[in-house]
Amino acid sequence: IACWALAYLADGPNNKIQAVIEATVIPRLV
């Protein structure tokens, strides 16, 4: 469920994507 939430938050302009990246969640998602 949490992965879906991150998917929704990263769906849109690059500033939203950057905020998700800066939270350092990408290594765990990978």
Full PDB file with SEQRES, HELIX, SHEET, SSBOND, CRYST1, ORIGX, SCALE, CONECT and MASTER records, all heavy atoms in Angstrom:
SEQRES   1 A   30  ILE ALA CYS TRP ALA LEU ALA TYR LEU ALA ASP GLY PRO          
SEQRES   2 A   30  ASN ASN LYS ILE GLN ALA VAL ILE GLU ALA THR VAL ILE          
SEQRES   3 A   30  PRO ARG LEU VAL                                              
HELIX    1 AA1 ALA A    2  LEU A    9  1                                   8    
HELIX    2 AA2 ASN A   14  GLU A   22  1                                   9    
HELIX    3 AA3 ILE A   26  LEU A   29  1                                   4    
CRYST1    1.000    1.000    1.000  90.00  90.00  90.00 P 1           1          
ORIGX1      1.000000  0.000000  0.000000        0.00000                         
ORIGX2      0.000000  1.000000  0.000000        0.00000                         
ORIGX3      0.000000  0.000000  1.000000        0.00000                         
SCALE1      1.000000  0.000000  0.000000        0.00000                         
SCALE2      0.000000  1.000000  0.000000        0.00000                         
SCALE3      0.000000  0.000000  1.000000        0.00000                         
ATOM      1  N   ILE A   1       0.833  -1.206   0.000  1.00  0.00           N  
ATOM      2  CA  ILE A   1       0.000   0.000   0.000  1.00  0.00           C  
ATOM      3  C   ILE A   1       0.867   1.256   0.000  1.00  0.00           C  
ATOM      4  O   ILE A   1       0.575   2.238  -0.697  1.00  0.00           O  
ATOM      5  CB  ILE A   1      -0.946  -0.017   1.217  1.00  0.00           C  
ATOM      6  CG1 ILE A   1      -1.830  -1.273   1.200  1.00  0.00           C  
ATOM      7  CG2 ILE A   1      -1.842   1.215   1.216  1.00  0.00           C  
ATOM      8  CD1 ILE A   1      -2.632  -1.480   2.473  1.00  0.00           C  
ATOM      9  N   ALA A   2       1.962   1.241   0.758  1.00  0.00           N  
ATOM     10  CA  ALA A   2       2.834   2.413   0.825  1.00  0.00           C  
ATOM     11  C   ALA A   2       3.501   2.703  -0.510  1.00  0.00           C  
ATOM     12  O   ALA A   2       3.704   3.867  -0.885  1.00  0.00           O  
ATOM     13  CB  ALA A   2       3.884   2.221   1.920  1.00  0.00           C  
ATOM     14  N   CYS A   3       3.859   1.652  -1.246  1.00  0.00           N  
ATOM     15  CA  CYS A   3       4.437   1.856  -2.584  1.00  0.00           C  
ATOM     16  C   CYS A   3       3.446   2.550  -3.506  1.00  0.00           C  
ATOM     17  O   CYS A   3       3.830   3.404  -4.319  1.00  0.00           O  
ATOM     18  CB  CYS A   3       4.884   0.520  -3.180  1.00  0.00           C  
ATOM     19  SG  CYS A   3       6.419  -0.133  -2.504  1.00  0.00           S  
ATOM     20  N   TRP A   4       2.159   2.195  -3.385  1.00  0.00           N  
ATOM     21  CA  TRP A   4       1.158   2.890  -4.201  1.00  0.00           C  
ATOM     22  C   TRP A   4       1.089   4.362  -3.834  1.00  0.00           C  
ATOM     23  O   TRP A   4       0.965   5.233  -4.706  1.00  0.00           O  
ATOM     24  CB  TRP A   4      -0.214   2.232  -4.043  1.00  0.00           C  
ATOM     25  CG  TRP A   4      -0.394   1.048  -4.931  1.00  0.00           C  
ATOM     26  CD1 TRP A   4      -0.623  -0.245  -4.570  1.00  0.00           C  
ATOM     27  CD2 TRP A   4      -0.326   1.038  -6.363  1.00  0.00           C  
ATOM     28  NE1 TRP A   4      -0.700  -1.046  -5.677  1.00  0.00           N  
ATOM     29  CE2 TRP A   4      -0.534  -0.292  -6.784  1.00  0.00           C  
ATOM     30  CE3 TRP A   4      -0.111   2.023  -7.322  1.00  0.00           C  
ATOM     31  CZ2 TRP A   4      -0.522  -0.659  -8.136  1.00  0.00           C  
ATOM     32  CZ3 TRP A   4      -0.100   1.662  -8.669  1.00  0.00           C  
ATOM     33  CH2 TRP A   4      -0.315   0.331  -9.055  1.00  0.00           C  
ATOM     34  N   ALA A   5       1.185   4.657  -2.541  1.00  0.00           N  
ATOM     35  CA  ALA A   5       1.156   6.068  -2.131  1.00  0.00           C  
ATOM     36  C   ALA A   5       2.315   6.832  -2.755  1.00  0.00           C  
ATOM     37  O   ALA A   5       2.139   7.952  -3.256  1.00  0.00           O  
ATOM     38  CB  ALA A   5       1.211   6.161  -0.599  1.00  0.00           C  
ATOM     39  N   LEU A   6       3.512   6.251  -2.739  1.00  0.00           N  
ATOM     40  CA  LEU A   6       4.669   6.914  -3.356  1.00  0.00           C  
ATOM     41  C   LEU A   6       4.473   7.074  -4.859  1.00  0.00           C  
ATOM     42  O   LEU A   6       4.882   8.082  -5.453  1.00  0.00           O  
ATOM     43  CB  LEU A   6       5.935   6.122  -3.067  1.00  0.00           C  
ATOM     44  CG  LEU A   6       6.459   6.235  -1.626  1.00  0.00           C  
ATOM     45  CD1 LEU A   6       7.568   5.222  -1.377  1.00  0.00           C  
ATOM     46  CD2 LEU A   6       6.968   7.656  -1.352  1.00  0.00           C  
ATOM     47  N   ALA A   7       3.848   6.068  -5.488  1.00  0.00           N  
ATOM     48  CA  ALA A   7       3.570   6.168  -6.923  1.00  0.00           C  
ATOM     49  C   ALA A   7       2.645   7.349  -7.208  1.00  0.00           C  
ATOM     50  O   ALA A   7       2.862   8.109  -8.160  1.00  0.00           O  
ATOM     51  CB  ALA A   7       2.946   4.869  -7.436  1.00  0.00           C  
ATOM     52  N   TYR A   8       1.616   7.541  -6.374  1.00  0.00           N  
ATOM     53  CA  TYR A   8       0.700   8.670  -6.567  1.00  0.00           C  
ATOM     54  C   TYR A   8       1.416   9.999  -6.352  1.00  0.00           C  
ATOM     55  O   TYR A   8       1.207  10.960  -7.099  1.00  0.00           O  
ATOM     56  CB  TYR A   8      -0.486   8.569  -5.600  1.00  0.00           C  
ATOM     57  CG  TYR A   8      -1.321   7.332  -5.773  1.00  0.00           C  
ATOM     58  CD1 TYR A   8      -1.796   6.618  -4.671  1.00  0.00           C  
ATOM     59  CD2 TYR A   8      -1.650   6.852  -7.039  1.00  0.00           C  
ATOM     60  CE1 TYR A   8      -2.566   5.478  -4.822  1.00  0.00           C  
ATOM     61  CE2 TYR A   8      -2.421   5.707  -7.200  1.00  0.00           C  
ATOM     62  CZ  TYR A   8      -2.879   5.026  -6.085  1.00  0.00           C  
ATOM     63  OH  TYR A   8      -3.630   3.897  -6.230  1.00  0.00           O  
ATOM     64  N   LEU A   9       2.278  10.054  -5.343  1.00  0.00           N  
ATOM     65  CA  LEU A   9       2.969  11.311  -5.042  1.00  0.00           C  
ATOM     66  C   LEU A   9       3.970  11.686  -6.126  1.00  0.00           C  
ATOM     67  O   LEU A   9       4.231  12.874  -6.351  1.00  0.00           O  
ATOM     68  CB  LEU A   9       3.680  11.199  -3.690  1.00  0.00           C  
ATOM     69  CG  LEU A   9       2.753  11.165  -2.464  1.00  0.00           C  
ATOM     70  CD1 LEU A   9       3.552  10.888  -1.204  1.00  0.00           C  
ATOM     71  CD2 LEU A   9       1.980  12.472  -2.330  1.00  0.00           C  
ATOM     72  N   ALA A  10       4.543  10.691  -6.800  1.00  0.00           N  
ATOM     73  CA  ALA A  10       5.530  10.958  -7.851  1.00  0.00           C  
ATOM     74  C   ALA A  10       4.891  11.117  -9.220  1.00  0.00           C  
ATOM     75  O   ALA A  10       5.595  11.265 -10.221  1.00  0.00           O  
ATOM     76  CB  ALA A  10       6.559   9.827  -7.898  1.00  0.00           C  
ATOM     77  N   ASP A  11       3.573  11.090  -9.278  1.00  0.00           N  
ATOM     78  CA  ASP A  11       2.860  11.179 -10.555  1.00  0.00           C  
ATOM     79  C   ASP A  11       2.557  12.642 -10.857  1.00  0.00           C  
ATOM     80  O   ASP A  11       1.594  13.205 -10.345  1.00  0.00           O  
ATOM     81  CB  ASP A  11       1.568  10.373 -10.482  1.00  0.00           C  
ATOM     82  CG  ASP A  11       0.800  10.404 -11.784  1.00  0.00           C  
ATOM     83  OD1 ASP A  11       1.355  10.868 -12.801  1.00  0.00           O  
ATOM     84  OD2 ASP A  11      -0.367   9.959 -11.798  1.00  0.00           O  
ATOM     85  N   GLY A  12       3.424  13.264 -11.656  1.00  0.00           N  
ATOM     86  CA  GLY A  12       3.171  14.660 -11.980  1.00  0.00           C  
ATOM     87  C   GLY A  12       4.435  15.409 -12.325  1.00  0.00           C  
ATOM     88  O   GLY A  12       5.402  14.823 -12.823  1.00  0.00           O  
ATOM     89  N   PRO A  13       4.467  16.693 -12.044  1.00  0.00           N  
ATOM     90  CA  PRO A  13       5.612  17.537 -12.438  1.00  0.00           C  
ATOM     91  C   PRO A  13       6.902  17.088 -11.769  1.00  0.00           C  
ATOM     92  O   PRO A  13       6.907  16.376 -10.757  1.00  0.00           O  
ATOM     93  CB  PRO A  13       5.192  18.934 -11.958  1.00  0.00           C  
ATOM     94  CG  PRO A  13       3.719  18.879 -11.777  1.00  0.00           C  
ATOM     95  CD  PRO A  13       3.394  17.469 -11.403  1.00  0.00           C  
ATOM     96  N   ASN A  14       8.010  17.575 -12.320  1.00  0.00           N  
ATOM     97  CA  ASN A  14       9.323  17.159 -11.838  1.00  0.00           C  
ATOM     98  C   ASN A  14       9.603  17.580 -10.400  1.00  0.00           C  
ATOM     99  O   ASN A  14      10.403  16.949  -9.713  1.00  0.00           O  
ATOM    100  CB  ASN A  14      10.415  17.709 -12.758  1.00  0.00           C  
ATOM    101  CG  ASN A  14      10.401  17.044 -14.118  1.00  0.00           C  
ATOM    102  OD1 ASN A  14       9.709  16.050 -14.327  1.00  0.00           O  
ATOM    103  ND2 ASN A  14      11.155  17.579 -15.063  1.00  0.00           N  
ATOM    104  N   ASN A  15       8.959  18.645  -9.933  1.00  0.00           N  
ATOM    105  CA  ASN A  15       9.202  19.048  -8.546  1.00  0.00           C  
ATOM    106  C   ASN A  15       8.664  18.016  -7.564  1.00  0.00           C  
ATOM    107  O   ASN A  15       9.238  17.785  -6.493  1.00  0.00           O  
ATOM    108  CB  ASN A  15       8.589  20.428  -8.275  1.00  0.00           C  
ATOM    109  CG  ASN A  15       7.067  20.408  -8.339  1.00  0.00           C  
ATOM    110  OD1 ASN A  15       6.485  20.019  -9.345  1.00  0.00           O  
ATOM    111  ND2 ASN A  15       6.412  20.838  -7.284  1.00  0.00           N  
ATOM    112  N   LYS A  16       7.551  17.367  -7.923  1.00  0.00           N  
ATOM    113  CA  LYS A  16       7.022  16.296  -7.070  1.00  0.00           C  
ATOM    114  C   LYS A  16       7.961  15.098  -7.092  1.00  0.00           C  
ATOM    115  O   LYS A  16       8.235  14.479  -6.049  1.00  0.00           O  
ATOM    116  CB  LYS A  16       5.628  15.895  -7.550  1.00  0.00           C  
ATOM    117  CG  LYS A  16       4.587  16.983  -7.413  1.00  0.00           C  
ATOM    118  CD  LYS A  16       3.236  16.574  -8.012  1.00  0.00           C  
ATOM    119  CE  LYS A  16       2.593  15.448  -7.264  1.00  0.00           C  
ATOM    120  NZ  LYS A  16       1.238  15.146  -7.770  1.00  0.00           N  
ATOM    121  N   ILE A  17       8.440  14.772  -8.278  1.00  0.00           N  
ATOM    122  CA  ILE A  17       9.384  13.657  -8.405  1.00  0.00           C  
ATOM    123  C   ILE A  17      10.637  13.945  -7.591  1.00  0.00           C  
ATOM    124  O   ILE A  17      11.153  13.059  -6.888  1.00  0.00           O  
ATOM    125  CB  ILE A  17       9.724  13.427  -9.891  1.00  0.00           C  
ATOM    126  CG1 ILE A  17       8.482  12.941 -10.655  1.00  0.00           C  
ATOM    127  CG2 ILE A  17      10.877  12.425 -10.044  1.00  0.00           C  
ATOM    128  CD1 ILE A  17       8.660  12.880 -12.149  1.00  0.00           C  
ATOM    129  N   GLN A  18      11.113  15.186  -7.648  1.00  0.00           N  
ATOM    130  CA  GLN A  18      12.330  15.539  -6.926  1.00  0.00           C  
ATOM    131  C   GLN A  18      12.140  15.407  -5.419  1.00  0.00           C  
ATOM    132  O   GLN A  18      13.053  14.977  -4.705  1.00  0.00           O  
ATOM    133  CB  GLN A  18      12.754  16.969  -7.283  1.00  0.00           C  
ATOM    134  CG  GLN A  18      14.131  17.347  -6.776  1.00  0.00           C  
ATOM    135  CD  GLN A  18      15.234  16.460  -7.351  1.00  0.00           C  
ATOM    136  OE1 GLN A  18      15.152  15.999  -8.479  1.00  0.00           O  
ATOM    137  NE2 GLN A  18      16.253  16.204  -6.544  1.00  0.00           N  
ATOM    138  N   ALA A  19      10.964  15.778  -4.932  1.00  0.00           N  
ATOM    139  CA  ALA A  19      10.696  15.657  -3.496  1.00  0.00           C  
ATOM    140  C   ALA A  19      10.749  14.193  -3.054  1.00  0.00           C  
ATOM    141  O   ALA A  19      11.254  13.877  -1.973  1.00  0.00           O  
ATOM    142  CB  ALA A  19       9.334  16.256  -3.166  1.00  0.00           C  
ATOM    143  N   VAL A  20      10.241  13.301  -3.889  1.00  0.00           N  
ATOM    144  CA  VAL A  20      10.298  11.869  -3.571  1.00  0.00           C  
ATOM    145  C   VAL A  20      11.741  11.381  -3.615  1.00  0.00           C  
ATOM    146  O   VAL A  20      12.183  10.615  -2.747  1.00  0.00           O  
ATOM    147  CB  VAL A  20       9.404  11.075  -4.546  1.00  0.00           C  
ATOM    148  CG1 VAL A  20       9.578   9.571  -4.335  1.00  0.00           C  
ATOM    149  CG2 VAL A  20       7.938  11.461  -4.369  1.00  0.00           C  
ATOM    150  N   ILE A  21      12.496  11.839  -4.611  1.00  0.00           N  
ATOM    151  CA  ILE A  21      13.911  11.445  -4.709  1.00  0.00           C  
ATOM    152  C   ILE A  21      14.689  11.922  -3.483  1.00  0.00           C  
ATOM    153  O   ILE A  21      15.481  11.169  -2.900  1.00  0.00           O  
ATOM    154  CB  ILE A  21      14.531  12.011  -5.999  1.00  0.00           C  
ATOM    155  CG1 ILE A  21      13.988  11.261  -7.226  1.00  0.00           C  
ATOM    156  CG2 ILE A  21      16.057  11.920  -5.959  1.00  0.00           C  
ATOM    157  CD1 ILE A  21      14.448  11.820  -8.556  1.00  0.00           C  
ATOM    158  N   GLU A  22      14.452  13.166  -3.077  1.00  0.00           N  
ATOM    159  CA  GLU A  22      15.195  13.735  -1.953  1.00  0.00           C  
ATOM    160  C   GLU A  22      14.872  13.048  -0.630  1.00  0.00           C  
ATOM    161  O   GLU A  22      15.639  13.163   0.339  1.00  0.00           O  
ATOM    162  CB  GLU A  22      14.922  15.234  -1.860  1.00  0.00           C  
ATOM    163  CG  GLU A  22      15.569  16.014  -2.998  1.00  0.00           C  
ATOM    164  CD  GLU A  22      15.170  17.477  -3.032  1.00  0.00           C  
ATOM    165  OE1 GLU A  22      14.342  17.875  -2.180  1.00  0.00           O  
ATOM    166  OE2 GLU A  22      15.673  18.216  -3.900  1.00  0.00           O  
ATOM    167  N   ALA A  23      13.775  12.325  -0.580  1.00  0.00           N  
ATOM    168  CA  ALA A  23      13.445  11.562   0.626  1.00  0.00           C  
ATOM    169  C   ALA A  23      14.233  10.259   0.704  1.00  0.00           C  
ATOM    170  O   ALA A  23      14.069   9.489   1.652  1.00  0.00           O  
ATOM    171  CB  ALA A  23      11.947  11.261   0.660  1.00  0.00           C  
ATOM    172  N   THR A  24      15.074  10.017  -0.298  1.00  0.00           N  
ATOM    173  CA  THR A  24      15.954   8.833  -0.379  1.00  0.00           C  
ATOM    174  C   THR A  24      15.175   7.520  -0.279  1.00  0.00           C  
ATOM    175  O   THR A  24      15.607   6.566   0.379  1.00  0.00           O  
ATOM    176  CB  THR A  24      17.066   8.878   0.700  1.00  0.00           C  
ATOM    177  OG1 THR A  24      16.482   8.809   2.013  1.00  0.00           O  
ATOM    178  CG2 THR A  24      17.900  10.134   0.566  1.00  0.00           C  
ATOM    179  N   VAL A  25      14.040   7.473  -0.964  1.00  0.00           N  
ATOM    180  CA  VAL A  25      13.267   6.225  -0.996  1.00  0.00           C  
ATOM    181  C   VAL A  25      13.641   5.359  -2.196  1.00  0.00           C  
ATOM    182  O   VAL A  25      13.276   4.176  -2.238  1.00  0.00           O  
ATOM    183  CB  VAL A  25      11.747   6.511  -1.024  1.00  0.00           C  
ATOM    184  CG1 VAL A  25      11.322   7.273   0.212  1.00  0.00           C  
ATOM    185  CG2 VAL A  25      11.345   7.258  -2.295  1.00  0.00           C  
ATOM    186  N   ILE A  26      14.351   5.928  -3.180  1.00  0.00           N  
ATOM    187  CA  ILE A  26      14.601   5.191  -4.418  1.00  0.00           C  
ATOM    188  C   ILE A  26      15.420   3.928  -4.186  1.00  0.00           C  
ATOM    189  O   ILE A  26      15.067   2.863  -4.729  1.00  0.00           O  
ATOM    190  CB  ILE A  26      15.285   6.092  -5.478  1.00  0.00           C  
ATOM    191  CG1 ILE A  26      14.523   7.406  -5.637  1.00  0.00           C  
ATOM    192  CG2 ILE A  26      15.374   5.359  -6.815  1.00  0.00           C  
ATOM    193  CD1 ILE A  26      13.081   7.267  -6.010  1.00  0.00           C  
ATOM    194  N   PRO A  27      16.509   3.961  -3.411  1.00  0.00           N  
ATOM    195  CA  PRO A  27      17.253   2.714  -3.202  1.00  0.00           C  
ATOM    196  C   PRO A  27      16.378   1.585  -2.651  1.00  0.00           C  
ATOM    197  O   PRO A  27      16.503   0.430  -3.069  1.00  0.00           O  
ATOM    198  CB  PRO A  27      18.346   3.115  -2.207  1.00  0.00           C  
ATOM    199  CG  PRO A  27      18.566   4.576  -2.469  1.00  0.00           C  
ATOM    200  CD  PRO A  27      17.205   5.108  -2.783  1.00  0.00           C  
ATOM    201  N   ARG A  28      15.470   1.919  -1.725  1.00  0.00           N  
ATOM    202  CA  ARG A  28      14.585   0.882  -1.181  1.00  0.00           C  
ATOM    203  C   ARG A  28      13.589   0.405  -2.226  1.00  0.00           C  
ATOM    204  O   ARG A  28      13.304  -0.793  -2.322  1.00  0.00           O  
ATOM    205  CB  ARG A  28      13.851   1.430   0.043  1.00  0.00           C  
ATOM    206  CG  ARG A  28      12.819   0.464   0.649  1.00  0.00           C  
ATOM    207  CD  ARG A  28      13.415  -0.861   1.061  1.00  0.00           C  
ATOM    208  NE  ARG A  28      12.414  -1.677   1.767  1.00  0.00           N  
ATOM    209  CZ  ARG A  28      12.578  -2.959   2.041  1.00  0.00           C  
ATOM    210  NH1 ARG A  28      13.693  -3.585   1.682  1.00  0.00           N  
ATOM    211  NH2 ARG A  28      11.630  -3.622   2.687  1.00  0.00           N  
ATOM    212  N   LEU A  29      13.038   1.316  -3.031  1.00  0.00           N  
ATOM    213  CA  LEU A  29      12.112   0.897  -4.089  1.00  0.00           C  
ATOM    214  C   LEU A  29      12.805  -0.048  -5.072  1.00  0.00           C  
ATOM    215  O   LEU A  29      12.215  -1.052  -5.504  1.00  0.00           O  
ATOM    216  CB  LEU A  29      11.567   2.119  -4.836  1.00  0.00           C  
ATOM    217  CG  LEU A  29      10.547   2.977  -4.090  1.00  0.00           C  
ATOM    218  CD1 LEU A  29      10.237   4.243  -4.883  1.00  0.00           C  
ATOM    219  CD2 LEU A  29       9.261   2.191  -3.822  1.00  0.00           C  
ATOM    220  N   VAL A  30      14.042   0.261  -5.423  1.00  0.00           N  
ATOM    221  CA  VAL A  30      14.798  -0.623  -6.321  1.00  0.00           C  
ATOM    222  C   VAL A  30      15.034  -1.972  -5.646  1.00  0.00           C  
ATOM    223  O   VAL A  30      14.876  -3.029  -6.264  1.00  0.00           O  
ATOM    224  CB  VAL A  30      16.130   0.044  -6.724  1.00  0.00           C  
ATOM    225  CG1 VAL A  30      17.021  -0.951  -7.467  1.00  0.00           C  
ATOM    226  CG2 VAL A  30      15.873   1.279  -7.581  1.00  0.00           C  
TER     227      VAL A  30                                                      
MASTER        0    0    0    3    0    0    0    6  226    1    0    3          
END                                                                             
